[in-house]
Amino acid sequence: MWDALEPEQSATMTLRSDVMIAITQKVRSWNTTQQRAARRLGITQPRLNDLLQGKINKFSLDALLTLASRARLKVKIDVQSAA
């Protein structure tokens, strides 16, 4: 999906997307209200709603990694040489 972007932008957007999806799945697995889930992540409910709606442009990779940690997710980044 992100292949049309410059290589640097594509890599960042792919990482952001992958982390956002993982957080969203984790939050939904909690089977709780958005208000409680937001409190658990240390963010506001509207901010959580942006996350759950996939508004990727509102989240930096750094912010998403922080939220992943708060959701008790382990993030690994695999760095390899380009072709």
N, C-alpha and C. Protein backbone atom coordinates (compact mmCIF):
# COMPACT_ATOMS: atom_id res chain seq x y z
N MET A 1 0.82 -1.19 0.00
CA MET A 1 0.00 0.00 0.00
C MET A 1 0.86 1.25 0.00
N TRP A 2 1.97 1.21 0.70
CA TRP A 2 2.82 2.39 0.83
C TRP A 2 3.91 2.43 -0.24
N ASP A 3 3.90 1.51 -1.19
CA ASP A 3 4.97 1.41 -2.18
C ASP A 3 5.07 2.63 -3.10
N ALA A 4 4.01 3.39 -3.26
CA ALA A 4 4.03 4.56 -4.15
C ALA A 4 4.82 5.71 -3.54
N LEU A 5 5.11 5.65 -2.27
CA LEU A 5 5.87 6.70 -1.59
C LEU A 5 7.36 6.50 -1.81
N GLU A 6 8.12 7.51 -1.44
CA GLU A 6 9.58 7.38 -1.45
C GLU A 6 9.97 6.24 -0.52
N PRO A 7 11.08 5.56 -0.76
CA PRO A 7 11.47 4.41 0.07
C PRO A 7 11.51 4.71 1.57
N GLU A 8 12.01 5.88 1.94
CA GLU A 8 12.09 6.22 3.37
C GLU A 8 10.69 6.38 3.98
N GLN A 9 9.83 7.07 3.24
CA GLN A 9 8.46 7.27 3.71
C GLN A 9 7.70 5.94 3.76
N SER A 10 7.93 5.11 2.76
CA SER A 10 7.26 3.82 2.70
C SER A 10 7.62 2.96 3.90
N ALA A 11 8.90 2.93 4.26
CA ALA A 11 9.35 2.11 5.39
C ALA A 11 8.73 2.61 6.69
N THR A 12 8.72 3.92 6.88
CA THR A 12 8.15 4.49 8.10
C THR A 12 6.65 4.24 8.18
N MET A 13 5.95 4.45 7.08
CA MET A 13 4.50 4.24 7.08
C MET A 13 4.16 2.77 7.31
N THR A 14 4.94 1.87 6.76
CA THR A 14 4.71 0.45 6.98
C THR A 14 4.88 0.10 8.44
N LEU A 15 5.95 0.60 9.05
CA LEU A 15 6.16 0.35 10.48
C LEU A 15 5.03 0.93 11.31
N ARG A 16 4.67 2.16 11.02
CA ARG A 16 3.58 2.81 11.78
C ARG A 16 2.29 2.01 11.65
N SER A 17 1.99 1.59 10.43
CA SER A 17 0.78 0.82 10.17
C SER A 17 0.78 -0.50 10.94
N ASP A 18 1.89 -1.21 10.89
CA ASP A 18 2.00 -2.51 11.58
C ASP A 18 1.81 -2.35 13.09
N VAL A 19 2.44 -1.33 13.66
CA VAL A 19 2.33 -1.11 15.11
C VAL A 19 0.90 -0.68 15.45
N MET A 20 0.33 0.19 14.64
CA MET A 20 -1.04 0.65 14.90
C MET A 20 -2.03 -0.51 14.86
N ILE A 21 -1.88 -1.39 13.91
CA ILE A 21 -2.76 -2.57 13.82
C ILE A 21 -2.62 -3.44 15.06
N ALA A 22 -1.40 -3.68 15.49
CA ALA A 22 -1.17 -4.52 16.67
C ALA A 22 -1.79 -3.90 17.92
N ILE A 23 -1.64 -2.60 18.09
CA ILE A 23 -2.22 -1.93 19.26
C ILE A 23 -3.74 -2.01 19.20
N THR A 24 -4.29 -1.75 18.03
CA THR A 24 -5.75 -1.79 17.86
C THR A 24 -6.29 -3.18 18.21
N GLN A 25 -5.64 -4.21 17.73
CA GLN A 25 -6.08 -5.58 18.04
C GLN A 25 -5.99 -5.85 19.54
N LYS A 26 -4.92 -5.40 20.16
CA LYS A 26 -4.75 -5.61 21.60
C LYS A 26 -5.84 -4.89 22.38
N VAL A 27 -6.08 -3.63 22.06
CA VAL A 27 -7.10 -2.85 22.76
C VAL A 27 -8.47 -3.49 22.61
N ARG A 28 -8.79 -3.93 21.42
CA ARG A 28 -10.10 -4.57 21.20
C ARG A 28 -10.22 -5.88 21.96
N SER A 29 -9.10 -6.55 22.19
CA SER A 29 -9.13 -7.81 22.95
C SER A 29 -9.42 -7.58 24.43
N TRP A 30 -9.21 -6.36 24.89
CA TRP A 30 -9.49 -6.05 26.30
C TRP A 30 -10.98 -6.06 26.61
N ASN A 31 -11.80 -5.93 25.59
CA ASN A 31 -13.25 -5.98 25.76
C ASN A 31 -13.72 -5.02 26.86
N THR A 32 -13.33 -3.77 26.73
CA THR A 32 -13.68 -2.74 27.69
C THR A 32 -14.11 -1.49 26.94
N THR A 33 -14.50 -0.47 27.67
CA THR A 33 -14.89 0.79 27.03
C THR A 33 -13.67 1.53 26.52
N GLN A 34 -13.89 2.43 25.58
CA GLN A 34 -12.79 3.26 25.08
C GLN A 34 -12.22 4.12 26.21
N GLN A 35 -13.07 4.60 27.09
CA GLN A 35 -12.61 5.44 28.19
C GLN A 35 -11.63 4.67 29.08
N ARG A 36 -11.97 3.45 29.43
CA ARG A 36 -11.08 2.64 30.27
C ARG A 36 -9.80 2.24 29.53
N ALA A 37 -9.94 1.89 28.26
CA ALA A 37 -8.76 1.53 27.47
C ALA A 37 -7.83 2.73 27.32
N ALA A 38 -8.41 3.91 27.09
CA ALA A 38 -7.60 5.12 26.97
C ALA A 38 -6.85 5.40 28.26
N ARG A 39 -7.52 5.26 29.37
CA ARG A 39 -6.89 5.47 30.68
C ARG A 39 -5.73 4.48 30.86
N ARG A 40 -5.95 3.26 30.46
CA ARG A 40 -4.91 2.22 30.57
C ARG A 40 -3.68 2.57 29.73
N LEU A 41 -3.90 3.23 28.59
CA LEU A 41 -2.80 3.62 27.71
C LEU A 41 -2.23 5.00 28.05
N GLY A 42 -2.90 5.72 28.94
CA GLY A 42 -2.43 7.05 29.33
C GLY A 42 -2.70 8.12 28.29
N ILE A 43 -3.80 7.95 27.55
CA ILE A 43 -4.19 8.94 26.54
C ILE A 43 -5.66 9.28 26.72
N THR A 44 -6.13 10.28 26.00
CA THR A 44 -7.54 10.64 26.07
C THR A 44 -8.37 9.69 25.21
N GLN A 45 -9.65 9.65 25.48
CA GLN A 45 -10.55 8.82 24.70
C GLN A 45 -10.60 9.27 23.23
N PRO A 46 -10.65 10.59 22.95
CA PRO A 46 -10.62 10.99 21.54
C PRO A 46 -9.34 10.55 20.82
N ARG A 47 -8.23 10.57 21.53
CA ARG A 47 -6.95 10.13 20.94
C ARG A 47 -7.02 8.62 20.65
N LEU A 48 -7.58 7.86 21.57
CA LEU A 48 -7.75 6.42 21.34
C LEU A 48 -8.67 6.18 20.15
N ASN A 49 -9.71 6.96 20.05
CA ASN A 49 -10.64 6.82 18.93
C ASN A 49 -9.92 7.05 17.60
N ASP A 50 -9.03 8.04 17.56
CA ASP A 50 -8.23 8.27 16.35
C ASP A 50 -7.41 7.02 16.01
N LEU A 51 -6.83 6.41 17.02
CA LEU A 51 -6.04 5.19 16.82
C LEU A 51 -6.92 4.07 16.27
N LEU A 52 -8.05 3.85 16.91
CA LEU A 52 -8.94 2.75 16.51
C LEU A 52 -9.55 2.97 15.13
N GLN A 53 -9.66 4.24 14.72
CA GLN A 53 -10.19 4.57 13.39
C GLN A 53 -9.10 4.54 12.32
N GLY A 54 -7.85 4.24 12.74
CA GLY A 54 -6.75 4.11 11.78
C GLY A 54 -6.23 5.42 11.23
N LYS A 55 -6.37 6.49 11.98
CA LYS A 55 -5.89 7.81 11.53
C LYS A 55 -4.38 7.89 11.73
N ILE A 56 -3.67 7.21 10.87
CA ILE A 56 -2.23 7.02 10.99
C ILE A 56 -1.45 8.33 10.98
N ASN A 57 -1.93 9.33 10.26
CA ASN A 57 -1.20 10.59 10.17
C ASN A 57 -1.19 11.37 11.47
N LYS A 58 -2.00 10.96 12.42
CA LYS A 58 -2.03 11.63 13.72
C LYS A 58 -1.06 11.03 14.72
N PHE A 59 -0.31 9.99 14.31
CA PHE A 59 0.59 9.30 15.22
C PHE A 59 1.98 9.14 14.63
N SER A 60 2.98 9.56 15.38
CA SER A 60 4.36 9.33 14.97
C SER A 60 4.73 7.89 15.34
N LEU A 61 5.79 7.41 14.76
CA LEU A 61 6.27 6.07 15.11
C LEU A 61 6.63 6.02 16.59
N ASP A 62 7.25 7.08 17.07
CA ASP A 62 7.64 7.16 18.48
C ASP A 62 6.41 7.05 19.40
N ALA A 63 5.37 7.78 19.08
CA ALA A 63 4.14 7.74 19.89
C ALA A 63 3.53 6.34 19.86
N LEU A 64 3.53 5.72 18.70
CA LEU A 64 2.97 4.37 18.58
C LEU A 64 3.79 3.35 19.37
N LEU A 65 5.10 3.50 19.36
CA LEU A 65 5.94 2.58 20.14
C LEU A 65 5.68 2.75 21.63
N THR A 66 5.47 3.98 22.07
CA THR A 66 5.13 4.23 23.47
C THR A 66 3.80 3.56 23.82
N LEU A 67 2.81 3.71 22.97
CA LEU A 67 1.51 3.08 23.21
C LEU A 67 1.61 1.56 23.19
N ALA A 68 2.41 1.03 22.30
CA ALA A 68 2.60 -0.42 22.24
C ALA A 68 3.18 -0.92 23.56
N SER A 69 4.14 -0.21 24.08
CA SER A 69 4.74 -0.58 25.36
C SER A 69 3.71 -0.53 26.48
N ARG A 70 2.91 0.51 26.50
CA ARG A 70 1.87 0.64 27.52
C ARG A 70 0.82 -0.46 27.39
N ALA A 71 0.63 -0.96 26.17
CA ALA A 71 -0.32 -2.06 25.93
C ALA A 71 0.33 -3.41 26.21
N ARG A 72 1.58 -3.36 26.66
CA ARG A 72 2.36 -4.56 26.96
C ARG A 72 2.60 -5.43 25.74
N LEU A 73 2.90 -4.74 24.64
CA LEU A 73 3.29 -5.42 23.41
C LEU A 73 4.80 -5.30 23.27
N LYS A 74 5.41 -6.31 22.73
CA LYS A 74 6.84 -6.30 22.46
C LYS A 74 7.02 -6.01 20.97
N VAL A 75 7.78 -4.99 20.66
CA VAL A 75 7.99 -4.61 19.26
C VAL A 75 9.43 -4.96 18.88
N LYS A 76 9.55 -5.66 17.76
CA LYS A 76 10.87 -5.98 17.20
C LYS A 76 10.93 -5.37 15.81
N ILE A 77 12.06 -4.76 15.50
CA ILE A 77 12.28 -4.20 14.18
C ILE A 77 13.40 -4.99 13.53
N ASP A 78 13.12 -5.54 12.36
CA ASP A 78 14.09 -6.34 11.64
C ASP A 78 14.75 -5.45 10.58
N VAL A 79 16.03 -5.18 10.78
CA VAL A 79 16.76 -4.33 9.85
C VAL A 79 17.64 -5.19 8.95
N GLN A 80 17.49 -5.01 7.66
CA GLN A 80 18.25 -5.78 6.67
C GLN A 80 18.78 -4.85 5.59
N SER A 81 19.79 -5.28 4.91
CA SER A 81 20.31 -4.51 3.78
C SER A 81 19.29 -4.52 2.66
N ALA A 82 19.18 -3.38 2.00
CA ALA A 82 18.32 -3.30 0.82
C ALA A 82 18.99 -4.09 -0.30
N ALA A 83 18.20 -4.53 -1.24
CA ALA A 83 18.70 -5.35 -2.36
C ALA A 83 19.86 -4.76 -3.07
